[in-house]
Amino acid sequence: VKGRFTISRDNAKNTLYLQMNSLKPEDTAVYYCATR
């Protein structure tokens, strides 16, 4: 996904983002948010 996806976060809003561009059929999946 390098070069196509961008991860970012807004700590003031407690929100994580994933901007996905130039999507391909092989990107089809269930996407899960995760934390440690």
All heavy atoms as atom14 arrays in JSON, in Angstrom:
{
  "sequence": "VKGRFTISRDNAKNTLYLQMNSLKPEDTAVYYCATR",
  "atom14_mask": [
    [1, 1, 1, 1, 1, 1, 1, 0, 0, 0, 0, 0, 0, 0],
    [1, 1, 1, 1, 1, 1, 1, 1, 1, 0, 0, 0, 0, 0],
    [1, 1, 1, 1, 0, 0, 0, 0, 0, 0, 0, 0, 0, 0],
    [1, 1, 1, 1, 1, 1, 1, 1, 1, 1, 1, 0, 0, 0],
    [1, 1, 1, 1, 1, 1, 1, 1, 1, 1, 1, 0, 0, 0],
    [1, 1, 1, 1, 1, 1, 1, 0, 0, 0, 0, 0, 0, 0],
    [1, 1, 1, 1, 1, 1, 1, 1, 0, 0, 0, 0, 0, 0],
    [1, 1, 1, 1, 1, 1, 0, 0, 0, 0, 0, 0, 0, 0],
    [1, 1, 1, 1, 1, 1, 1, 1, 1, 1, 1, 0, 0, 0],
    [1, 1, 1, 1, 1, 1, 1, 1, 0, 0, 0, 0, 0, 0],
    [1, 1, 1, 1, 1, 1, 1, 1, 0, 0, 0, 0, 0, 0],
    [1, 1, 1, 1, 1, 0, 0, 0, 0, 0, 0, 0, 0, 0],
    [1, 1, 1, 1, 1, 1, 1, 1, 1, 0, 0, 0, 0, 0],
    [1, 1, 1, 1, 1, 1, 1, 1, 0, 0, 0, 0, 0, 0],
    [1, 1, 1, 1, 1, 1, 1, 0, 0, 0, 0, 0, 0, 0],
    [1, 1, 1, 1, 1, 1, 1, 1, 0, 0, 0, 0, 0, 0],
    [1, 1, 1, 1, 1, 1, 1, 1, 1, 1, 1, 1, 0, 0],
    [1, 1, 1, 1, 1, 1, 1, 1, 0, 0, 0, 0, 0, 0],
    [1, 1, 1, 1, 1, 1, 1, 1, 1, 0, 0, 0, 0, 0],
    [1, 1, 1, 1, 1, 1, 1, 1, 0, 0, 0, 0, 0, 0],
    [1, 1, 1, 1, 1, 1, 1, 1, 0, 0, 0, 0, 0, 0],
    [1, 1, 1, 1, 1, 1, 0, 0, 0, 0, 0, 0, 0, 0],
    [1, 1, 1, 1, 1, 1, 1, 1, 0, 0, 0, 0, 0, 0],
    [1, 1, 1, 1, 1, 1, 1, 1, 1, 0, 0, 0, 0, 0],
    [1, 1, 1, 1, 1, 1, 1, 0, 0, 0, 0, 0, 0, 0],
    [1, 1, 1, 1, 1, 1, 1, 1, 1, 0, 0, 0, 0, 0],
    [1, 1, 1, 1, 1, 1, 1, 1, 0, 0, 0, 0, 0, 0],
    [1, 1, 1, 1, 1, 1, 1, 0, 0, 0, 0, 0, 0, 0],
    [1, 1, 1, 1, 1, 0, 0, 0, 0, 0, 0, 0, 0, 0],
    [1, 1, 1, 1, 1, 1, 1, 0, 0, 0, 0, 0, 0, 0],
    [1, 1, 1, 1, 1, 1, 1, 1, 1, 1, 1, 1, 0, 0],
    [1, 1, 1, 1, 1, 1, 1, 1, 1, 1, 1, 1, 0, 0],
    [1, 1, 1, 1, 1, 1, 0, 0, 0, 0, 0, 0, 0, 0],
    [1, 1, 1, 1, 1, 0, 0, 0, 0, 0, 0, 0, 0, 0],
    [1, 1, 1, 1, 1, 1, 1, 0, 0, 0, 0, 0, 0, 0],
    [1, 1, 1, 1, 1, 1, 1, 1, 1, 1, 1, 0, 0, 0]
  ],
  "atom14_positions": [
    [[0.81, -1.22, 0.0], [0.0, 0.0, 0.0], [0.84, 1.27, 0.0], [0.29, 2.38, -0.1], [-0.96, 0.03, 1.22], [-1.8, -1.25, 1.26], [-0.21, 0.22, 2.53], [0.0, 0.0, 0.0], [0.0, 0.0, 0.0], [0.0, 0.0, 0.0], [0.0, 0.0, 0.0], [0.0, 0.0, 0.0], [0.0, 0.0, 0.0], [0.0, 0.0, 0.0]],
    [[2.14, 1.12, 0.09], [3.03, 2.29, 0.16], [2.84, 3.15, -1.09], [2.82, 2.65, -2.21], [4.47, 1.79, 0.27], [5.41, 2.7, 1.03], [6.75, 2.03, 1.26], [6.66, 0.96, 2.31], [7.99, 0.37, 2.62], [0.0, 0.0, 0.0], [0.0, 0.0, 0.0], [0.0, 0.0, 0.0], [0.0, 0.0, 0.0], [0.0, 0.0, 0.0]],
    [[2.71, 4.46, -0.85], [2.53, 5.38, -1.96], [1.08, 5.58, -2.38], [0.78, 6.49, -3.15], [0.0, 0.0, 0.0], [0.0, 0.0, 0.0], [0.0, 0.0, 0.0], [0.0, 0.0, 0.0], [0.0, 0.0, 0.0], [0.0, 0.0, 0.0], [0.0, 0.0, 0.0], [0.0, 0.0, 0.0], [0.0, 0.0, 0.0], [0.0, 0.0, 0.0]],
    [[0.18, 4.72, -1.88], [-1.24, 4.83, -2.22], [-2.1, 5.15, -1.0], [-3.11, 5.85, -1.12], [-1.73, 3.53, -2.86], [-1.01, 3.13, -4.12], [-1.67, 1.93, -4.79], [-1.63, 0.74, -3.95], [-2.72, 0.08, -3.53], [-3.93, 0.5, -3.89], [-2.61, -1.0, -2.78], [0.0, 0.0, 0.0], [0.0, 0.0, 0.0], [0.0, 0.0, 0.0]],
    [[-1.72, 4.63, 0.15], [-2.48, 4.83, 1.38], [-1.73, 5.8, 2.29], [-0.5, 5.81, 2.33], [-2.67, 3.52, 2.13], [-3.59, 2.53, 1.48], [-4.05, 2.69, 0.17], [-4.01, 1.4, 2.18], [-4.9, 1.78, -0.42], [-4.86, 0.47, 1.6], [-5.29, 0.66, 0.3], [0.0, 0.0, 0.0], [0.0, 0.0, 0.0], [0.0, 0.0, 0.0]],
    [[-2.5, 6.58, 3.06], [-1.92, 7.49, 4.03], [-2.65, 7.34, 5.36], [-3.87, 7.51, 5.42], [-2.02, 8.95, 3.56], [-1.35, 9.09, 2.31], [-1.37, 9.88, 4.58], [0.0, 0.0, 0.0], [0.0, 0.0, 0.0], [0.0, 0.0, 0.0], [0.0, 0.0, 0.0], [0.0, 0.0, 0.0], [0.0, 0.0, 0.0], [0.0, 0.0, 0.0]],
    [[-1.9, 7.04, 6.41], [-2.48, 6.93, 7.75], [-2.24, 8.24, 8.48], [-1.18, 8.87, 8.33], [-1.87, 5.73, 8.51], [-2.63, 5.49, 9.82], [-0.37, 5.93, 8.77], [-2.22, 4.18, 10.52], [0.0, 0.0, 0.0], [0.0, 0.0, 0.0], [0.0, 0.0, 0.0], [0.0, 0.0, 0.0], [0.0, 0.0, 0.0], [0.0, 0.0, 0.0]],
    [[-3.23, 8.65, 9.28], [-3.09, 9.87, 10.07], [-3.97, 9.75, 11.3], [-4.8, 8.84, 11.4], [-3.46, 11.11, 9.26], [-4.82, 11.05, 8.85], [0.0, 0.0, 0.0], [0.0, 0.0, 0.0], [0.0, 0.0, 0.0], [0.0, 0.0, 0.0], [0.0, 0.0, 0.0], [0.0, 0.0, 0.0], [0.0, 0.0, 0.0], [0.0, 0.0, 0.0]],
    [[-3.8, 10.67, 12.24], [-4.6, 10.64, 13.46], [-4.85, 12.05, 13.95], [-4.05, 12.97, 13.7], [-3.89, 9.82, 14.54], [-2.57, 10.38, 15.01], [-1.83, 9.38, 15.9], [-2.58, 9.1, 17.12], [-2.38, 8.03, 17.88], [-1.46, 7.15, 17.55], [-3.1, 7.86, 18.98], [0.0, 0.0, 0.0], [0.0, 0.0, 0.0], [0.0, 0.0, 0.0]],
    [[-5.96, 12.21, 14.66], [-6.3, 13.48, 15.3], [-6.53, 13.16, 16.77], [-7.59, 12.66, 17.15], [-7.55, 14.08, 14.67], [-7.87, 15.46, 15.2], [-7.46, 15.77, 16.34], [-8.55, 16.21, 14.51], [0.0, 0.0, 0.0], [0.0, 0.0, 0.0], [0.0, 0.0, 0.0], [0.0, 0.0, 0.0], [0.0, 0.0, 0.0], [0.0, 0.0, 0.0]],
    [[-5.54, 13.41, 17.6], [-5.63, 13.04, 19.01], [-6.69, 13.86, 19.75], [-7.25, 13.41, 20.74], [-4.27, 13.19, 19.69], [-3.32, 12.08, 19.27], [-3.73, 11.05, 18.73], [-2.03, 12.29, 19.52], [0.0, 0.0, 0.0], [0.0, 0.0, 0.0], [0.0, 0.0, 0.0], [0.0, 0.0, 0.0], [0.0, 0.0, 0.0], [0.0, 0.0, 0.0]],
    [[-6.97, 15.05, 19.27], [-8.0, 15.88, 19.91], [-9.39, 15.28, 19.7], [-10.29, 15.48, 20.51], [-7.96, 17.29, 19.36], [0.0, 0.0, 0.0], [0.0, 0.0, 0.0], [0.0, 0.0, 0.0], [0.0, 0.0, 0.0], [0.0, 0.0, 0.0], [0.0, 0.0, 0.0], [0.0, 0.0, 0.0], [0.0, 0.0, 0.0], [0.0, 0.0, 0.0]],
    [[-9.55, 14.54, 18.6], [-10.84, 13.92, 18.29], [-10.85, 12.42, 18.56], [-11.84, 11.75, 18.28], [-11.19, 14.17, 16.82], [-11.4, 15.63, 16.46], [-11.79, 15.79, 15.0], [-12.04, 17.25, 14.65], [-12.39, 17.42, 13.22], [0.0, 0.0, 0.0], [0.0, 0.0, 0.0], [0.0, 0.0, 0.0], [0.0, 0.0, 0.0], [0.0, 0.0, 0.0]],
    [[-9.76, 11.89, 19.08], [-9.66, 10.44, 19.33], [-10.01, 9.64, 18.08], [-10.73, 8.64, 18.14], [-10.59, 10.02, 20.47], [-9.91, 10.16, 21.83], [-8.93, 10.88, 21.97], [-10.47, 9.49, 22.83], [0.0, 0.0, 0.0], [0.0, 0.0, 0.0], [0.0, 0.0, 0.0], [0.0, 0.0, 0.0], [0.0, 0.0, 0.0], [0.0, 0.0, 0.0]],
    [[-9.49, 10.07, 16.95], [-9.85, 9.45, 15.68], [-8.61, 9.14, 14.84], [-7.69, 9.95, 14.75], [-10.81, 10.33, 14.87], [-11.96, 10.62, 15.67], [-11.25, 9.64, 13.59], [0.0, 0.0, 0.0], [0.0, 0.0, 0.0], [0.0, 0.0, 0.0], [0.0, 0.0, 0.0], [0.0, 0.0, 0.0], [0.0, 0.0, 0.0], [0.0, 0.0, 0.0]],
    [[-8.64, 7.96, 14.24], [-7.6, 7.49, 13.33], [-8.18, 7.45, 11.93], [-9.37, 7.16, 11.76], [-7.16, 6.08, 13.75], [-6.17, 5.35, 12.85], [-4.78, 5.96, 13.01], [-6.15, 3.87, 13.18], [0.0, 0.0, 0.0], [0.0, 0.0, 0.0], [0.0, 0.0, 0.0], [0.0, 0.0, 0.0], [0.0, 0.0, 0.0], [0.0, 0.0, 0.0]],
    [[-7.36, 7.73, 10.92], [-7.82, 7.75, 9.54], [-6.93, 6.89, 8.66], [-5.75, 6.67, 8.95], [-7.81, 9.18, 8.99], [-8.63, 10.16, 9.79], [-8.01, 11.01, 10.71], [-10.01, 10.22, 9.64], [-8.76, 11.91, 11.45], [-10.76, 11.12, 10.39], [-10.13, 11.95, 11.29], [-10.88, 12.83, 12.03], [0.0, 0.0, 0.0], [0.0, 0.0, 0.0]],
    [[-7.51, 6.44, 7.56], [-6.75, 5.79, 6.5], [-7.28, 6.28, 5.16], [-8.39, 5.93, 4.78], [-6.84, 4.26, 6.58], [-5.95, 3.52, 5.57], [-4.48, 3.71, 5.93], [-6.29, 2.02, 5.54], [0.0, 0.0, 0.0], [0.0, 0.0, 0.0], [0.0, 0.0, 0.0], [0.0, 0.0, 0.0], [0.0, 0.0, 0.0], [0.0, 0.0, 0.0]],
    [[-6.52, 7.14, 4.5], [-6.87, 7.62, 3.18], [-6.33, 6.63, 2.16], [-5.12, 6.39, 2.11], [-6.29, 9.01, 2.94], [-6.56, 9.58, 1.56], [-8.03, 9.85, 1.32], [-8.72, 10.38, 2.2], [-8.53, 9.49, 0.15], [0.0, 0.0, 0.0], [0.0, 0.0, 0.0], [0.0, 0.0, 0.0], [0.0, 0.0, 0.0], [0.0, 0.0, 0.0]],
    [[-7.23, 6.08, 1.36], [-6.84, 5.05, 0.39], [-7.1, 5.58, -1.02], [-8.25, 5.84, -1.38], [-7.65, 3.77, 0.64], [-7.52, 3.25, 2.05], [-8.35, 1.67, 2.3], [-10.05, 2.13, 2.05], [0.0, 0.0, 0.0], [0.0, 0.0, 0.0], [0.0, 0.0, 0.0], [0.0, 0.0, 0.0], [0.0, 0.0, 0.0], [0.0, 0.0, 0.0]],
    [[-6.05, 5.76, -1.77], [-6.13, 6.24, -3.15], [-5.67, 5.16, -4.12], [-5.03, 4.18, -3.71], [-5.27, 7.49, -3.33], [-5.72, 8.64, -2.45], [-6.9, 8.8, -2.14], [-4.77, 9.47, -2.04], [0.0, 0.0, 0.0], [0.0, 0.0, 0.0], [0.0, 0.0, 0.0], [0.0, 0.0, 0.0], [0.0, 0.0, 0.0], [0.0, 0.0, 0.0]],
    [[-6.0, 5.34, -5.38], [-5.59, 4.4, -6.43], [-5.91, 2.96, -6.03], [-5.08, 2.06, -6.14], [-4.08, 4.54, -6.71], [-3.77, 5.86, -7.11], [0.0, 0.0, 0.0], [0.0, 0.0, 0.0], [0.0, 0.0, 0.0], [0.0, 0.0, 0.0], [0.0, 0.0, 0.0], [0.0, 0.0, 0.0], [0.0, 0.0, 0.0], [0.0, 0.0, 0.0]],
    [[-7.12, 2.76, -5.56], [-7.51, 1.44, -5.07], [-7.5, 0.4, -6.17], [-7.83, 0.7, -7.33], [-8.88, 1.52, -4.4], [-8.86, 2.13, -2.99], [-10.24, 2.61, -2.58], [-8.31, 1.12, -2.0], [0.0, 0.0, 0.0], [0.0, 0.0, 0.0], [0.0, 0.0, 0.0], [0.0, 0.0, 0.0], [0.0, 0.0, 0.0], [0.0, 0.0, 0.0]],
    [[-7.15, -0.81, -5.78], [-7.07, -1.95, -6.7], [-8.03, -3.04, -6.21], [-8.32, -3.11, -5.02], [-5.64, -2.5, -6.72], [-4.57, -1.48, -7.06], [-3.19, -2.12, -6.93], [-2.09, -1.11, -7.23], [-0.74, -1.72, -7.09], [0.0, 0.0, 0.0], [0.0, 0.0, 0.0], [0.0, 0.0, 0.0], [0.0, 0.0, 0.0], [0.0, 0.0, 0.0]],
    [[-8.46, -3.92, -7.11], [-9.33, -5.03, -6.66], [-8.71, -5.85, -5.55], [-9.42, -6.35, -4.66], [-9.52, -5.84, -7.95], [-9.39, -4.84, -9.04], [-8.35, -3.87, -8.58], [0.0, 0.0, 0.0], [0.0, 0.0, 0.0], [0.0, 0.0, 0.0], [0.0, 0.0, 0.0], [0.0, 0.0, 0.0], [0.0, 0.0, 0.0], [0.0, 0.0, 0.0]],
    [[-7.39, -5.97, -5.55], [-6.72, -6.75, -4.5], [-6.73, -6.05, -3.14], [-6.3, -6.64, -2.14], [-5.29, -7.1, -4.9], [-4.45, -5.94, -5.37], [-4.43, -5.83, -6.89], [-5.5, -5.97, -7.53], [-3.32, -5.57, -7.42], [0.0, 0.0, 0.0], [0.0, 0.0, 0.0], [0.0, 0.0, 0.0], [0.0, 0.0, 0.0], [0.0, 0.0, 0.0]],
    [[-7.2, -4.82, -3.08], [-7.37, -4.15, -1.8], [-8.7, -4.53, -1.13], [-8.96, -4.14, 0.02], [-7.34, -2.62, -1.97], [-5.98, -2.11, -2.42], [-4.97, -2.59, -1.89], [-5.95, -1.23, -3.3], [0.0, 0.0, 0.0], [0.0, 0.0, 0.0], [0.0, 0.0, 0.0], [0.0, 0.0, 0.0], [0.0, 0.0, 0.0], [0.0, 0.0, 0.0]],
    [[-9.53, -5.28, -1.84], [-10.82, -5.72, -1.28], [-10.6, -6.57, -0.04], [-9.86, -7.56, -0.08], [-11.61, -6.52, -2.33], [-11.95, -5.66, -3.42], [-12.87, -7.11, -1.73], [0.0, 0.0, 0.0], [0.0, 0.0, 0.0], [0.0, 0.0, 0.0], [0.0, 0.0, 0.0], [0.0, 0.0, 0.0], [0.0, 0.0, 0.0], [0.0, 0.0, 0.0]],
    [[-11.2, -6.16, 1.06], [-11.0, -6.85, 2.34], [-11.87, -6.18, 3.4], [-12.42, -5.1, 3.18], [-9.53, -6.78, 2.77], [0.0, 0.0, 0.0], [0.0, 0.0, 0.0], [0.0, 0.0, 0.0], [0.0, 0.0, 0.0], [0.0, 0.0, 0.0], [0.0, 0.0, 0.0], [0.0, 0.0, 0.0], [0.0, 0.0, 0.0], [0.0, 0.0, 0.0]],
    [[-11.94, -6.83, 4.55], [-12.46, -6.18, 5.75], [-11.28, -5.5, 6.43], [-10.26, -6.13, 6.69], [-13.13, -7.18, 6.7], [-13.6, -6.47, 7.96], [-14.3, -7.87, 6.02], [0.0, 0.0, 0.0], [0.0, 0.0, 0.0], [0.0, 0.0, 0.0], [0.0, 0.0, 0.0], [0.0, 0.0, 0.0], [0.0, 0.0, 0.0], [0.0, 0.0, 0.0]],
    [[-11.43, -4.21, 6.69], [-10.37, -3.43, 7.3], [-10.65, -3.24, 8.79], [-11.75, -2.82, 9.16], [-10.24, -2.08, 6.61], [-9.54, -2.18, 5.27], [-10.17, -2.79, 4.18], [-8.25, -1.68, 5.1], [-9.52, -2.92, 2.97], [-7.6, -1.8, 3.88], [-8.23, -2.42, 2.81], [-7.59, -2.54, 1.61], [0.0, 0.0, 0.0], [0.0, 0.0, 0.0]],
    [[-9.64, -3.54, 9.6], [-9.77, -3.48, 11.05], [-8.85, -2.41, 11.63], [-7.66, -2.36, 11.31], [-9.4, -4.82, 11.68], [-10.3, -5.96, 11.3], [-10.01, -6.78, 10.22], [-11.46, -6.23, 12.04], [-10.83, -7.83, 9.87], [-12.29, -7.29, 11.69], [-11.97, -8.07, 10.6], [-12.79, -9.12, 10.26], [0.0, 0.0, 0.0], [0.0, 0.0, 0.0]],
    [[-9.43, -1.61, 12.5], [-8.65, -0.67, 13.28], [-8.04, -1.43, 14.46], [-8.67, -2.34, 15.01], [-9.59, 0.42, 13.78], [-8.85, 1.67, 14.82], [0.0, 0.0, 0.0], [0.0, 0.0, 0.0], [0.0, 0.0, 0.0], [0.0, 0.0, 0.0], [0.0, 0.0, 0.0], [0.0, 0.0, 0.0], [0.0, 0.0, 0.0], [0.0, 0.0, 0.0]],
    [[-6.82, -1.05, 14.84], [-6.14, -1.78, 15.91], [-5.35, -0.82, 16.78], [-4.89, 0.23, 16.32], [-5.2, -2.83, 15.31], [0.0, 0.0, 0.0], [0.0, 0.0, 0.0], [0.0, 0.0, 0.0], [0.0, 0.0, 0.0], [0.0, 0.0, 0.0], [0.0, 0.0, 0.0], [0.0, 0.0, 0.0], [0.0, 0.0, 0.0], [0.0, 0.0, 0.0]],
    [[-5.17, -1.22, 18.04], [-4.4, -0.41, 18.95], [-3.56, -1.27, 19.87], [-3.84, -2.45, 20.09], [-5.33, 0.49, 19.8], [-4.54, 1.38, 20.6], [-6.19, -0.35, 20.75], [0.0, 0.0, 0.0], [0.0, 0.0, 0.0], [0.0, 0.0, 0.0], [0.0, 0.0, 0.0], [0.0, 0.0, 0.0], [0.0, 0.0, 0.0], [0.0, 0.0, 0.0]],
    [[-2.52, -0.67, 20.37], [-1.68, -1.31, 21.37], [-1.61, -0.37, 22.55], [-1.42, 0.83, 22.39], [-0.29, -1.56, 20.8], [0.61, -2.35, 21.71], [1.93, -2.65, 21.05], [2.8, -3.39, 21.96], [4.07, -3.66, 21.72], [4.63, -3.27, 20.58], [4.78, -4.34, 22.58], [0.0, 0.0, 0.0], [0.0, 0.0, 0.0], [0.0, 0.0, 0.0]]
  ]
}
